[in-house]
Amino acid sequence: MSEYSPMAHGALCSECSLNRQTPVPPIGPLDPDLVIIGECPGVNEVRRGQPFVGPAGRQLDEILKAAGIRRDRCLITNSILCLEAQTKILLPNRKTKTVEWLVVNKYSGDVLSVAEDGKLVARRVIGWHKSALAGRKLFKLTSEYAKANCQGLVGPILTEDHLVLTQNGLVAVAKLDPHIKIATGQPMIADGPAMSVLAGTLLGDAHLTRIGSSFRIGHTEANSDYVMLKTRALQGLIPHARRVTYAVSSGIKPQIHVSTTASLWIRQLRDKWYPNGKKRVPRDLHLDALSVAVWFLDDGCTVFPKRRSPRAEIATNGFMLEDVIFLREILRRDVGIESHLLHSHGWRLKINVLDTLKLMELVAPYTPPSMQYKLPMEYQDRFDENLYPVGEAFTCWDFPVVSEFKSEHQRSHVYCIDVEDTHNFVTVNGVVHNCLPTTPGAPRLKEHDRKTYLAYLRKMNAARKKQAKLEKKEYVPLPSPWDCCVTRLHGELWRAEATARARGDPNGVVIVPVGNFALKSVTGHEGIMKWRGSPIPIDLEHGKSFDLRPKALPIVR
C-alpha cells in the first residue's frame, strides 16, 4: 500500500498543487460488489494510510452492516487522495473565510465577534499577522455538542498559548478546564420575548430536527402575518422562510415553512425537549403571557356554542399524560388559568367559562389579524405588533474538548488577526482572542491554519494571472486537484465495472458516492460515465443512510 502511485493510475500529481502530500490509496478487492467514493481523506486517514478509518468510517461500517454488505467486498476510494484542513473565521453573514485568506488579502471588513454582554456582533479587522510556529504545540479546540465531519468534531487549531473565551474569562487553550464552559460563537437566544415565542411554539406546532439541528415551523399561507411575527422574534437563530405547496383533495394548499440555521444550541435544546427521541415538556419550563398566547394560537381553539358562553381548549395530543398534567399545573401556577383534562382524540386541556375570558384578555394583544378568528368579537382588534420585538443572537456556551494536534504535514507558520473594540473573533466552534504583544523575541500568540488546496490554488492562480498580464502572455490557470485526480478515479470505476461484467454481471458494479463532492466527481464529466437511474449519495455528516442493496444502482457504458 505504501508503494501505491496515483500517477501510475492516471493521476496528474506533477501538475497538482498537492503533489507534496502523501496520498491515501484506495482499498478493497479487484472484483468489488460495491464502490464507495469519499470526498477526501482526513487526519486519521492520512495517519493510517487507509480511507474511511475515522468517525465517518465507523458510521459507514454501521450503514453497511445494516444493509447486509461486507466491507471487505467494497472498493473504497476518494475523489481526491490528498487534502489539508483549515481554520475558518465566521463573517457576519455566517459565511466563512480561512484565517490565512484574511491575512494574505489584508481583509479589513467585518468578522463575527462577541460583545461583553455575550451578544454576537460584527467588528472590523484592523491587524494581520503571520509568524513562525517556533516549537509551540498545537491543540484542536472543539466542544461536547460540536458538529462532526470526517475529521471528527469541528473546531479550530490553536497554538498552546492562544486565549479562548470562557465563563471565567480568557484562558490559554492548553489550560482549559473541561468543566468550565467556553463561548462557541454559535447563535442562541436569551431569556425574554424570543424565548417565550420559542417555548410557546415548541408546545405547539414546532419541532427540533434530529438531523441538521434546526428549529422548524409550518403554517398555512393565510397565516403569513403570524409566521412573520415568529420569524422576527427568532431572528437571533437566523430563520429562513420558504413557500411550499401541497396537493390535497380540495386543490392546492400553499404553506410557509420556516427553519433556522443549524446550531450547537439547538442540539442542546433538543436533548432537553426530546430526551428519548419523543417530545417531552422540560420540568424547568415557565410560562408567561406571550408563550401562552403563542401556544394557544398554535394548538388552541375557542368553542362558540349557541346561547352559551365561549370556552377555550388547547390540544396536547403530542404529549404523554404526565406532561399534560404538568402543563395544567404550570398554566395555573404561572398565569392563573384553571383547566381540566379531557380525552377526545388525544388529551387536551379544557378551560371553563370564567378562565376562558381571562385567557382571551391575556392573548388578545398578541393575536395578529389572521388568527383573530379564535377570539370572541369583543377581544379582536387589540393586536400590538410591538409585543413581538426583533430577536438578537447571543453566543452559546458548551463544555470544551481539547486534544493535541499532530500532523505529518504540519505547517511552519501560523496566522492571526486583530479585531477592533471587542478584541476577539468567532471560529467554527470557539471564540478566541486577538494576537497579544509579548516580550521581545518571543513568538506572538497566533491562530494556526493549514492551507487547503483551494486556498493555495486561488493564491497561485492569482500570481500566475498577474505575471501573465505583465509579460503579455496567455493566462493558463493551474489545474485543480479534482481535475488532476478525476482520470485516476474514473479509471478505477471502469476497471471495477469491467471485472463485474467479466464475472457474469451484465449490469456492472454499484457506485455509491459519499457526499455532494464525490457525487460531482462521478457525474461531473459528461460522456465519461452514463447512468441508468440516479446515484445513491450517503450523508455521513447528518447521519442519513440510503438503500445500498446490490444492483440498486447499475451503471452502463
Protein backbone atom coordinates (compact mmCIF):
# COMPACT_ATOMS: atom_id res chain seq x y z
CA MET A 1 0.00 0.00 0.00
CA SER A 2 2.92 2.33 0.75
CA GLU A 3 4.12 1.78 -2.83
CA TYR A 4 0.84 2.92 -4.38
CA SER A 5 1.41 5.57 -7.07
CA PRO A 6 -1.62 7.63 -8.19
CA MET A 7 0.34 8.68 -11.32
CA ALA A 8 0.56 5.06 -12.43
CA HIS A 9 -3.25 5.02 -12.35
CA GLY A 10 -3.79 8.20 -14.38
CA ALA A 11 -3.50 10.97 -11.75
CA LEU A 12 -1.62 14.15 -12.77
CA CYS A 13 0.24 14.58 -9.47
CA SER A 14 3.12 16.52 -11.06
CA GLU A 15 0.67 19.26 -12.09
CA CYS A 16 -1.31 19.27 -8.85
CA SER A 17 -0.89 21.85 -6.08
CA LEU A 18 -0.93 18.98 -3.57
CA ASN A 19 1.87 16.91 -5.10
CA ARG A 20 3.88 17.26 -1.89
CA GLN A 21 1.22 15.34 0.06
CA THR A 22 1.14 11.65 0.94
CA PRO A 23 -1.77 10.09 -0.97
CA VAL A 24 -4.22 7.76 0.74
CA PRO A 25 -4.65 4.86 -1.69
CA PRO A 26 -7.95 3.05 -2.34
CA ILE A 27 -8.53 -0.21 -0.51
CA GLY A 28 -10.60 -3.24 -1.43
CA PRO A 29 -10.78 -6.24 -3.78
CA LEU A 30 -10.18 -6.13 -7.52
CA ASP A 31 -13.70 -7.51 -8.14
CA PRO A 32 -15.84 -5.45 -5.70
CA ASP A 33 -19.61 -5.74 -5.28
CA LEU A 34 -19.78 -2.05 -4.35
CA VAL A 35 -17.61 1.00 -4.99
CA ILE A 36 -17.76 3.71 -2.30
CA ILE A 37 -16.32 7.12 -3.19
CA GLY A 38 -15.48 9.61 -0.45
CA GLU A 39 -14.61 13.28 -0.89
CA CYS A 40 -11.07 13.36 0.53
CA PRO A 41 -9.06 11.81 3.37
CA GLY A 42 -9.00 13.35 6.83
CA VAL A 43 -6.35 13.39 9.55
CA ASN A 44 -6.99 9.80 10.65
CA GLU A 45 -6.91 8.56 7.06
CA VAL A 46 -3.59 10.31 6.31
CA ARG A 47 -2.07 8.98 9.53
CA ARG A 48 -3.10 5.36 8.89
CA GLY A 49 -2.87 5.42 5.09
CA GLN A 50 -6.38 4.00 4.57
CA PRO A 51 -9.69 5.63 3.56
CA PHE A 52 -12.68 5.80 5.94
CA VAL A 53 -10.99 4.83 9.20
CA GLY A 54 -12.10 7.82 11.32
CA PRO A 55 -15.55 8.74 12.71
CA ALA A 56 -17.05 8.74 9.21
CA GLY A 57 -15.63 5.25 8.68
CA ARG A 58 -17.39 3.98 11.80
CA GLN A 59 -20.69 5.40 10.53
CA LEU A 60 -20.07 3.79 7.15
CA ASP A 61 -19.48 0.44 8.88
CA GLU A 62 -22.88 0.75 10.62
CA ILE A 63 -24.63 1.59 7.34
CA LEU A 64 -23.00 -1.33 5.52
CA LYS A 65 -23.85 -3.70 8.38
CA ALA A 66 -27.49 -2.58 8.36
CA ALA A 67 -27.61 -3.12 4.58
CA GLY A 68 -26.06 -6.58 4.90
CA ILE A 69 -22.96 -5.69 2.89
CA ARG A 70 -19.47 -6.84 3.85
CA ARG A 71 -16.87 -4.08 3.90
CA ASP A 72 -14.21 -6.42 2.52
CA ARG A 73 -16.31 -6.74 -0.64
CA CYS A 74 -16.26 -2.96 -1.19
CA LEU A 75 -13.70 -0.90 -3.09
CA ILE A 76 -13.31 2.27 -1.02
CA THR A 77 -11.62 5.32 -2.55
CA ASN A 78 -11.75 9.13 -2.59
CA SER A 79 -12.34 11.82 -5.21
CA ILE A 80 -9.06 13.46 -4.11
CA LEU A 81 -6.35 11.42 -2.41
CA CYS A 82 -4.69 14.42 -0.64
CA LEU A 83 -6.14 17.32 1.39
CA GLU A 84 -5.19 19.56 4.31
CA ALA A 85 -7.60 21.08 6.85
CA GLN A 86 -8.16 24.78 7.62
CA THR A 87 -9.26 27.05 10.42
CA LYS A 88 -12.26 29.10 9.42
CA ILE A 89 -13.36 32.50 10.73
CA LEU A 90 -17.05 33.45 10.64
CA LEU A 91 -18.22 36.61 8.89
CA PRO A 92 -21.41 38.45 9.94
CA ASN A 93 -23.39 36.73 7.14
CA ARG A 94 -22.34 33.34 8.66
CA LYS A 95 -20.10 32.56 5.70
CA THR A 96 -16.51 31.62 6.48
CA LYS A 97 -13.01 32.54 5.36
CA THR A 98 -9.76 30.92 6.39
CA VAL A 99 -7.61 32.97 8.72
CA GLU A 100 -4.79 32.72 6.18
CA TRP A 101 -7.02 34.23 3.49
CA LEU A 102 -7.85 37.14 5.81
CA VAL A 103 -4.15 37.74 6.48
CA VAL A 104 -2.84 37.28 2.94
CA ASN A 105 -5.54 39.54 1.48
CA LYS A 106 -5.35 42.09 4.33
CA TYR A 107 -9.12 41.80 4.74
CA SER A 108 -10.38 44.93 6.53
CA GLY A 109 -14.09 44.13 6.58
CA ASP A 110 -16.15 42.79 9.47
CA VAL A 111 -15.91 39.43 11.17
CA LEU A 112 -18.23 37.94 13.76
CA SER A 113 -17.29 38.76 17.34
CA VAL A 114 -18.72 38.59 20.89
CA ALA A 115 -19.51 41.70 22.93
CA GLU A 116 -19.20 41.96 26.72
CA ASP A 117 -22.85 41.02 27.20
CA GLY A 118 -22.43 37.87 25.10
CA LYS A 119 -24.17 39.30 22.05
CA LEU A 120 -22.88 38.31 18.61
CA VAL A 121 -21.78 41.47 16.81
CA ALA A 122 -19.87 42.48 13.67
CA ARG A 123 -16.48 44.09 14.21
CA ARG A 124 -13.76 45.30 11.81
CA VAL A 125 -10.40 43.59 11.29
CA ILE A 126 -7.57 46.07 11.97
CA GLY A 127 -4.45 43.88 12.05
CA TRP A 128 -2.95 40.88 10.25
CA HIS A 129 -0.11 38.67 11.46
CA LYS A 130 1.99 35.75 10.24
CA SER A 131 4.78 34.27 12.33
CA ALA A 132 6.77 31.08 12.85
CA LEU A 133 5.29 28.28 14.90
CA ALA A 134 8.56 28.39 16.87
CA GLY A 135 8.22 24.99 18.52
CA ARG A 136 4.84 25.64 20.11
CA LYS A 137 2.40 22.77 20.38
CA LEU A 138 -0.89 22.87 18.50
CA PHE A 139 -4.26 21.98 20.01
CA LYS A 140 -7.63 21.30 18.44
CA LEU A 141 -10.45 23.05 20.28
CA THR A 142 -13.97 21.71 20.00
CA SER A 143 -16.87 21.03 22.38
CA GLU A 144 -19.26 18.29 23.51
CA TYR A 145 -22.13 19.30 21.21
CA ALA A 146 -19.97 20.31 18.25
CA LYS A 147 -20.82 19.21 14.74
CA ALA A 148 -18.77 16.27 13.41
CA ASN A 149 -17.23 15.68 10.00
CA CYS A 150 -14.79 13.15 8.52
CA GLN A 151 -12.01 14.55 10.74
CA GLY A 152 -14.01 14.30 13.99
CA LEU A 153 -15.62 17.13 15.93
CA VAL A 154 -15.34 20.51 14.19
CA GLY A 155 -13.11 23.16 15.74
CA PRO A 156 -10.13 25.47 15.23
CA ILE A 157 -6.46 24.53 15.56
CA LEU A 158 -4.72 26.87 18.04
CA THR A 159 -1.24 27.34 19.42
CA GLU A 160 -0.92 26.23 23.02
CA ASP A 161 -0.83 29.81 24.35
CA HIS A 162 -3.79 31.18 22.40
CA LEU A 163 -6.50 32.59 24.66
CA VAL A 164 -10.07 31.26 24.49
CA LEU A 165 -13.17 33.00 25.89
CA THR A 166 -14.65 31.02 28.80
CA GLN A 167 -17.22 31.71 31.53
CA ASN A 168 -14.24 32.51 33.77
CA GLY A 169 -12.64 34.91 31.29
CA LEU A 170 -9.78 34.33 28.84
CA VAL A 171 -7.80 31.09 29.30
CA ALA A 172 -5.00 29.57 27.20
CA VAL A 173 -6.28 26.62 25.19
CA ALA A 174 -3.74 24.22 26.74
CA LYS A 175 -5.04 25.11 30.23
CA LEU A 176 -8.80 24.91 29.62
CA ASP A 177 -10.82 23.21 32.36
CA PRO A 178 -13.21 20.62 30.81
CA HIS A 179 -15.79 21.53 33.49
CA ILE A 180 -15.91 25.25 32.63
CA LYS A 181 -17.86 26.19 29.51
CA ILE A 182 -16.36 28.09 26.58
CA ALA A 183 -18.07 30.54 24.23
CA THR A 184 -18.67 28.68 20.97
CA GLY A 185 -19.86 31.62 18.85
CA GLN A 186 -22.87 29.55 17.80
CA PRO A 187 -26.15 31.55 17.94
CA MET A 188 -28.66 31.19 20.74
CA ILE A 189 -31.44 33.39 22.12
CA ALA A 190 -31.55 34.77 25.65
CA ASP A 191 -34.48 34.82 28.09
CA GLY A 192 -37.16 37.29 27.07
CA PRO A 193 -39.78 37.59 24.29
CA ALA A 194 -37.79 35.47 21.83
CA MET A 195 -37.51 32.61 24.32
CA SER A 196 -41.24 32.91 25.09
CA VAL A 197 -42.07 32.60 21.39
CA LEU A 198 -39.73 29.60 21.13
CA ALA A 199 -41.28 27.84 24.15
CA GLY A 200 -44.85 28.53 23.05
CA THR A 201 -44.13 27.29 19.53
CA LEU A 202 -42.45 24.12 20.81
CA LEU A 203 -45.54 23.41 22.89
CA GLY A 204 -47.49 23.95 19.68
CA ASP A 205 -46.55 23.30 16.06
CA ALA A 206 -42.74 23.44 16.04
CA HIS A 207 -40.17 20.66 16.24
CA LEU A 208 -36.41 20.40 16.61
CA THR A 209 -34.83 18.27 13.92
CA ARG A 210 -32.55 15.40 14.87
CA ILE A 211 -30.71 15.69 11.56
CA GLY A 212 -29.48 19.18 10.79
CA SER A 213 -30.05 20.63 14.29
CA SER A 214 -32.58 23.28 13.32
CA PHE A 215 -35.89 24.64 14.62
CA ARG A 216 -38.79 24.27 12.16
CA ILE A 217 -42.37 25.51 11.95
CA GLY A 218 -45.03 25.49 9.26
CA HIS A 219 -48.32 27.37 8.81
CA THR A 220 -50.78 27.91 6.01
CA GLU A 221 -50.12 30.91 3.78
CA ALA A 222 -53.28 32.54 5.16
CA ASN A 223 -51.42 32.94 8.48
CA SER A 224 -48.36 34.59 6.92
CA ASP A 225 -48.55 37.62 9.25
CA TYR A 226 -48.35 35.28 12.26
CA VAL A 227 -45.40 33.39 10.71
CA MET A 228 -43.53 36.63 10.07
CA LEU A 229 -44.01 37.71 13.70
CA LYS A 230 -42.44 34.45 14.87
CA THR A 231 -39.64 34.82 12.36
CA ARG A 232 -38.90 38.32 13.59
CA ALA A 233 -38.82 37.23 17.24
CA LEU A 234 -36.48 34.33 16.41
CA GLN A 235 -34.16 36.45 14.26
CA GLY A 236 -31.24 35.56 16.53
CA LEU A 237 -31.39 31.95 15.28
CA ILE A 238 -31.17 33.13 11.64
CA PRO A 239 -34.51 31.79 10.33
CA HIS A 240 -35.27 31.23 6.64
CA ALA A 241 -38.84 31.20 5.29
CA ARG A 242 -39.95 29.49 2.10
CA ARG A 243 -43.28 28.89 0.39
CA VAL A 244 -44.32 25.31 -0.38
CA THR A 245 -47.46 23.83 -1.87
CA TYR A 246 -49.27 20.57 -1.18
CA ALA A 247 -51.87 18.83 -3.30
CA VAL A 248 -54.97 17.97 -1.25
CA SER A 249 -58.43 16.73 -2.22
CA SER A 250 -59.77 20.30 -2.31
CA GLY A 251 -56.92 21.54 -4.52
CA ILE A 252 -53.50 23.13 -3.91
CA LYS A 253 -52.70 24.11 -0.32
CA PRO A 254 -49.91 26.72 -0.02
CA GLN A 255 -47.89 26.84 3.20
CA ILE A 256 -44.97 28.78 4.64
CA HIS A 257 -42.18 26.77 6.25
CA VAL A 258 -39.56 28.39 8.46
CA SER A 259 -36.34 26.72 9.55
CA THR A 260 -33.38 28.16 11.44
CA THR A 261 -29.69 27.76 10.68
CA ALA A 262 -28.16 24.65 12.26
CA SER A 263 -26.79 25.47 15.69
CA LEU A 264 -25.00 23.77 18.54
CA TRP A 265 -27.55 25.37 20.89
CA ILE A 266 -30.42 23.69 19.01
CA ARG A 267 -28.67 20.35 19.63
CA GLN A 268 -28.54 21.18 23.34
CA LEU A 269 -32.19 22.24 23.27
CA ARG A 270 -33.24 19.05 21.52
CA ASP A 271 -31.71 16.91 24.27
CA LYS A 272 -33.85 18.87 26.71
CA TRP A 273 -37.13 18.65 24.78
CA TYR A 274 -36.56 15.19 23.21
CA PRO A 275 -34.64 13.25 25.89
CA ASN A 276 -35.54 9.84 24.43
CA GLY A 277 -36.43 10.84 20.90
CA LYS A 278 -40.02 11.79 21.81
CA LYS A 279 -41.08 15.33 22.65
CA ARG A 280 -41.40 15.95 26.41
CA VAL A 281 -42.10 19.06 28.46
CA PRO A 282 -38.98 20.19 30.39
CA ARG A 283 -39.72 20.42 34.12
CA ASP A 284 -37.98 23.78 34.40
CA LEU A 285 -40.38 25.37 31.88
CA HIS A 286 -42.05 28.63 32.91
CA LEU A 287 -44.92 30.27 31.05
CA ASP A 288 -45.73 33.94 30.55
CA ALA A 289 -48.41 35.81 28.59
CA LEU A 290 -46.52 35.62 25.27
CA SER A 291 -45.66 31.92 25.47
CA VAL A 292 -49.25 31.04 26.44
CA ALA A 293 -50.56 33.21 23.58
CA VAL A 294 -48.33 31.51 21.00
CA TRP A 295 -49.21 28.07 22.39
CA PHE A 296 -52.95 28.88 22.18
CA LEU A 297 -52.68 30.35 18.66
CA ASP A 298 -50.79 27.21 17.51
CA ASP A 299 -52.86 24.46 19.15
CA GLY A 300 -55.81 26.15 20.82
CA CYS A 301 -59.37 26.85 19.75
CA THR A 302 -62.48 28.54 21.11
CA VAL A 303 -65.82 26.76 21.00
CA PHE A 304 -68.79 29.11 20.40
CA PRO A 305 -71.96 27.16 21.36
CA LYS A 306 -75.38 28.73 20.70
CA ARG A 307 -76.87 30.61 23.64
CA ARG A 308 -73.84 29.78 25.78
CA SER A 309 -70.59 31.48 26.63
CA PRO A 310 -67.47 30.52 24.67
CA ARG A 311 -64.98 28.02 26.08
CA ALA A 312 -61.35 27.57 25.13
CA GLU A 313 -59.44 24.34 24.62
CA ILE A 314 -55.76 23.59 23.96
CA ALA A 315 -54.78 20.37 22.17
CA THR A 316 -51.94 18.42 23.77
CA ASN A 317 -52.17 15.27 21.64
CA GLY A 318 -48.40 15.07 21.12
CA PHE A 319 -47.57 14.78 24.82
CA MET A 320 -47.74 11.97 27.35
CA LEU A 321 -50.35 12.14 30.13
CA GLU A 322 -47.82 13.12 32.79
CA ASP A 323 -46.67 16.02 30.59
CA VAL A 324 -50.27 17.16 30.10
CA ILE A 325 -50.81 17.12 33.87
CA PHE A 326 -47.63 19.20 34.32
CA LEU A 327 -48.84 21.69 31.68
CA ARG A 328 -52.13 22.06 33.53
CA GLU A 329 -50.21 22.79 36.74
CA ILE A 330 -47.88 25.44 35.27
CA LEU A 331 -50.79 27.08 33.41
CA ARG A 332 -52.40 27.61 36.82
CA ARG A 333 -49.12 28.44 38.61
CA ASP A 334 -47.67 30.93 36.10
CA VAL A 335 -50.68 32.72 34.59
CA GLY A 336 -53.52 31.79 36.94
CA ILE A 337 -55.69 29.91 34.44
CA GLU A 338 -57.50 26.78 35.62
CA SER A 339 -58.19 23.87 33.28
CA HIS A 340 -59.11 20.21 33.39
CA LEU A 341 -58.13 17.20 31.31
CA LEU A 342 -60.35 15.97 28.51
CA HIS A 343 -59.66 12.87 26.42
CA SER A 344 -61.09 13.19 22.92
CA HIS A 345 -58.88 12.03 20.04
CA GLY A 346 -55.96 12.52 22.43
CA TRP A 347 -55.51 14.57 25.58
CA ARG A 348 -56.47 18.25 25.65
CA LEU A 349 -56.88 20.97 28.26
CA LYS A 350 -60.42 22.32 28.56
CA ILE A 351 -60.85 25.72 30.18
CA ASN A 352 -64.02 26.84 31.98
CA VAL A 353 -66.02 29.94 31.02
CA LEU A 354 -64.51 32.40 33.52
CA ASP A 355 -60.95 31.30 32.84
CA THR A 356 -61.64 31.44 29.09
CA LEU A 357 -62.41 35.15 29.46
CA LYS A 358 -59.18 35.53 31.43
CA LEU A 359 -57.28 33.70 28.67
CA MET A 360 -58.83 35.94 25.99
CA GLU A 361 -57.69 39.05 27.87
CA LEU A 362 -54.22 37.54 28.04
CA VAL A 363 -53.77 36.52 24.39
CA ALA A 364 -55.70 39.29 22.58
CA PRO A 365 -52.78 41.79 22.37
CA TYR A 366 -50.57 39.06 20.81
CA THR A 367 -53.10 37.87 18.22
CA PRO A 368 -52.49 39.15 14.63
CA PRO A 369 -55.44 39.69 12.25
CA SER A 370 -55.18 36.27 10.54
CA MET A 371 -55.55 34.45 13.89
CA GLN A 372 -58.30 36.58 15.42
CA TYR A 373 -60.98 34.12 14.34
CA LYS A 374 -60.02 32.22 17.51
CA LEU A 375 -61.19 35.13 19.69
CA PRO A 376 -64.70 36.38 20.55
CA MET A 377 -65.62 39.58 18.71
CA GLU A 378 -65.13 41.82 21.75
CA TYR A 379 -61.47 40.74 22.06
CA GLN A 380 -60.49 41.32 18.44
CA ASP A 381 -58.59 44.38 17.14
CA ARG A 382 -56.41 44.61 20.25
CA PHE A 383 -53.25 43.43 18.50
CA ASP A 384 -49.97 45.20 19.31
CA GLU A 385 -47.19 44.32 16.87
CA ASN A 386 -44.53 45.79 19.20
CA LEU A 387 -45.05 42.88 21.61
CA TYR A 388 -43.02 40.77 19.14
CA PRO A 389 -39.61 42.54 19.19
CA VAL A 390 -36.78 41.60 16.84
CA GLY A 391 -34.71 38.84 18.45
CA GLU A 392 -30.96 39.13 18.93
CA ALA A 393 -28.26 36.46 18.74
CA PHE A 394 -26.06 35.63 21.72
CA THR A 395 -23.18 33.19 21.91
CA CYS A 396 -23.92 29.68 23.05
CA TRP A 397 -21.73 28.04 25.71
CA ASP A 398 -20.54 24.44 25.85
CA PHE A 399 -18.00 22.28 27.65
CA PRO A 400 -14.63 22.21 25.82
CA VAL A 401 -12.95 19.18 24.31
CA VAL A 402 -9.24 19.81 23.74
CA SER A 403 -6.72 17.46 22.14
CA GLU A 404 -3.16 17.90 20.98
CA PHE A 405 -2.99 18.23 17.20
CA LYS A 406 -0.29 16.43 15.26
CA SER A 407 0.01 16.09 11.52
CA GLU A 408 2.56 14.75 9.08
CA HIS A 409 2.07 17.93 7.05
CA GLN A 410 2.23 20.46 9.87
CA ARG A 411 2.89 23.99 8.69
CA SER A 412 5.81 26.08 9.95
CA HIS A 413 3.83 29.33 10.18
CA VAL A 414 0.67 30.43 11.95
CA TYR A 415 -1.71 33.32 11.32
CA CYS A 416 -3.86 35.67 13.36
CA ILE A 417 -5.89 38.87 13.11
CA ASP A 418 -6.66 41.83 15.38
CA VAL A 419 -10.30 42.86 15.78
CA GLU A 420 -11.48 46.33 16.72
CA ASP A 421 -13.25 47.04 20.03
CA THR A 422 -14.11 43.50 21.22
CA HIS A 423 -10.62 42.03 20.55
CA ASN A 424 -11.96 38.56 19.76
CA PHE A 425 -13.34 36.69 16.79
CA VAL A 426 -15.56 33.67 16.19
CA THR A 427 -14.19 30.49 14.63
CA VAL A 428 -16.27 27.49 13.54
CA ASN A 429 -16.51 26.36 17.17
CA GLY A 430 -14.93 28.70 19.67
CA VAL A 431 -14.32 32.39 20.38
CA VAL A 432 -10.62 33.25 20.54
CA HIS A 433 -8.74 36.41 21.49
CA ASN A 434 -6.64 38.73 19.34
CA CYS A 435 -2.93 38.29 18.98
CA LEU A 436 -1.31 39.78 22.07
CA PRO A 437 2.09 41.51 22.29
CA THR A 438 4.72 39.53 24.19
CA THR A 439 8.26 40.12 25.39
CA PRO A 440 10.85 40.99 22.71
CA GLY A 441 11.99 37.96 20.75
CA ALA A 442 9.12 35.76 21.95
CA PRO A 443 6.63 34.50 19.39
CA ARG A 444 3.26 36.27 19.29
CA LEU A 445 0.07 34.35 20.00
CA LYS A 446 -1.10 33.13 16.61
CA GLU A 447 -4.04 31.29 15.15
CA HIS A 448 -2.90 28.14 13.36
CA ASP A 449 -4.13 27.39 9.89
CA ARG A 450 -3.15 24.68 7.42
CA LYS A 451 -3.52 25.76 3.81
CA THR A 452 -6.18 23.89 1.88
CA TYR A 453 -5.81 23.07 -1.75
CA LEU A 454 -8.45 25.64 -2.70
CA ALA A 455 -6.76 28.49 -0.84
CA TYR A 456 -3.41 27.50 -2.33
CA LEU A 457 -4.88 27.27 -5.80
CA ARG A 458 -6.51 30.70 -5.60
CA LYS A 459 -3.27 32.27 -4.41
CA MET A 460 -1.13 30.61 -7.07
CA ASN A 461 -3.55 31.34 -9.90
CA ALA A 462 -3.78 34.99 -8.85
CA ALA A 463 0.02 35.25 -9.06
CA ARG A 464 0.09 33.44 -12.42
CA LYS A 465 -2.59 35.74 -13.82
CA LYS A 466 -0.69 38.83 -12.67
CA GLN A 467 2.56 37.54 -14.16
CA ALA A 468 0.88 36.64 -17.46
CA LYS A 469 -0.56 40.14 -17.68
CA LEU A 470 2.86 41.74 -17.06
CA GLU A 471 4.51 39.52 -19.67
CA LYS A 472 1.54 39.89 -22.06
CA LYS A 473 1.15 36.14 -22.26
CA GLU A 474 -1.91 33.94 -22.20
CA TYR A 475 -3.08 33.16 -18.68
CA VAL A 476 -3.25 29.39 -18.08
CA PRO A 477 -4.60 28.52 -14.61
CA LEU A 478 -3.22 25.63 -12.61
CA PRO A 479 -5.47 22.57 -12.69
CA SER A 480 -7.39 21.84 -9.51
CA PRO A 481 -6.66 18.65 -7.53
CA TRP A 482 -10.06 17.37 -8.66
CA ASP A 483 -9.08 17.76 -12.32
CA CYS A 484 -5.80 16.00 -11.61
CA CYS A 485 -7.46 13.09 -9.82
CA VAL A 486 -10.62 12.53 -11.87
CA THR A 487 -8.93 10.41 -14.57
CA ARG A 488 -7.49 8.15 -11.89
CA LEU A 489 -10.91 7.86 -10.20
CA HIS A 490 -12.80 7.07 -13.40
CA GLY A 491 -10.16 4.51 -14.33
CA GLU A 492 -10.76 2.72 -11.03
CA LEU A 493 -14.51 2.75 -11.65
CA TRP A 494 -14.20 1.35 -15.18
CA ARG A 495 -11.85 -1.39 -14.01
CA ALA A 496 -14.33 -2.35 -11.26
CA GLU A 497 -17.15 -2.41 -13.81
CA ALA A 498 -15.18 -4.46 -16.32
CA THR A 499 -14.35 -7.00 -13.61
CA ALA A 500 -18.01 -7.23 -12.63
CA ARG A 501 -19.05 -7.82 -16.24
CA ALA A 502 -16.31 -10.42 -16.69
CA ARG A 503 -17.69 -12.47 -13.81
CA GLY A 504 -21.11 -12.51 -15.49
CA ASP A 505 -22.86 -9.45 -14.03
CA PRO A 506 -24.42 -7.65 -17.04
CA ASN A 507 -25.26 -4.52 -15.02
CA GLY A 508 -21.74 -3.76 -13.87
CA VAL A 509 -20.93 -2.57 -10.36
CA VAL A 510 -22.91 -0.44 -7.90
CA ILE A 511 -21.36 3.03 -7.35
CA VAL A 512 -22.16 4.92 -4.12
CA PRO A 513 -20.80 8.49 -3.74
CA VAL A 514 -20.49 9.78 -0.16
CA GLY A 515 -21.37 13.49 -0.15
CA ASN A 516 -22.06 16.04 -2.86
CA PHE A 517 -18.41 16.50 -3.87
CA ALA A 518 -18.00 12.80 -4.54
CA LEU A 519 -21.28 12.84 -6.45
CA LYS A 520 -19.89 15.57 -8.73
CA SER A 521 -16.72 13.53 -9.19
CA VAL A 522 -18.76 10.73 -10.69
CA THR A 523 -21.25 12.71 -12.77
CA GLY A 524 -19.35 15.92 -13.44
CA HIS A 525 -17.75 14.95 -16.77
CA GLU A 526 -20.39 14.38 -19.41
CA GLY A 527 -19.60 11.49 -21.73
CA ILE A 528 -17.23 9.68 -19.37
CA MET A 529 -19.95 7.92 -17.41
CA LYS A 530 -23.59 7.44 -18.38
CA TRP A 531 -26.05 6.43 -15.74
CA ARG A 532 -29.23 4.41 -15.69
CA GLY A 533 -31.10 5.92 -12.75
CA SER A 534 -29.50 8.25 -10.18
CA PRO A 535 -26.52 7.90 -7.84
CA ILE A 536 -27.17 6.95 -4.24
CA PRO A 537 -25.44 9.53 -2.00
CA ILE A 538 -24.70 8.82 1.66
CA ASP A 539 -24.71 11.82 4.00
CA LEU A 540 -22.49 10.73 6.90
CA GLU A 541 -22.33 14.26 8.29
CA HIS A 542 -26.04 14.31 9.12
CA GLY A 543 -26.46 10.59 9.75
CA LYS A 544 -28.54 9.78 6.67
CA SER A 545 -28.30 6.35 5.10
CA PHE A 546 -29.78 5.06 1.87
CA ASP A 547 -30.61 1.73 0.28
CA LEU A 548 -27.29 0.07 -0.52
CA ARG A 549 -28.58 -3.30 -1.70
CA PRO A 550 -26.52 -4.68 -4.60
CA LYS A 551 -27.92 -3.85 -8.04
CA ALA A 552 -29.70 -0.81 -6.60
CA LEU A 553 -27.63 1.36 -8.94
CA PRO A 554 -26.21 -0.32 -12.04
CA ILE A 555 -24.15 1.73 -14.48
CA VAL A 556 -23.87 1.13 -18.17
CA ARG A 557 -21.35 2.35 -20.67
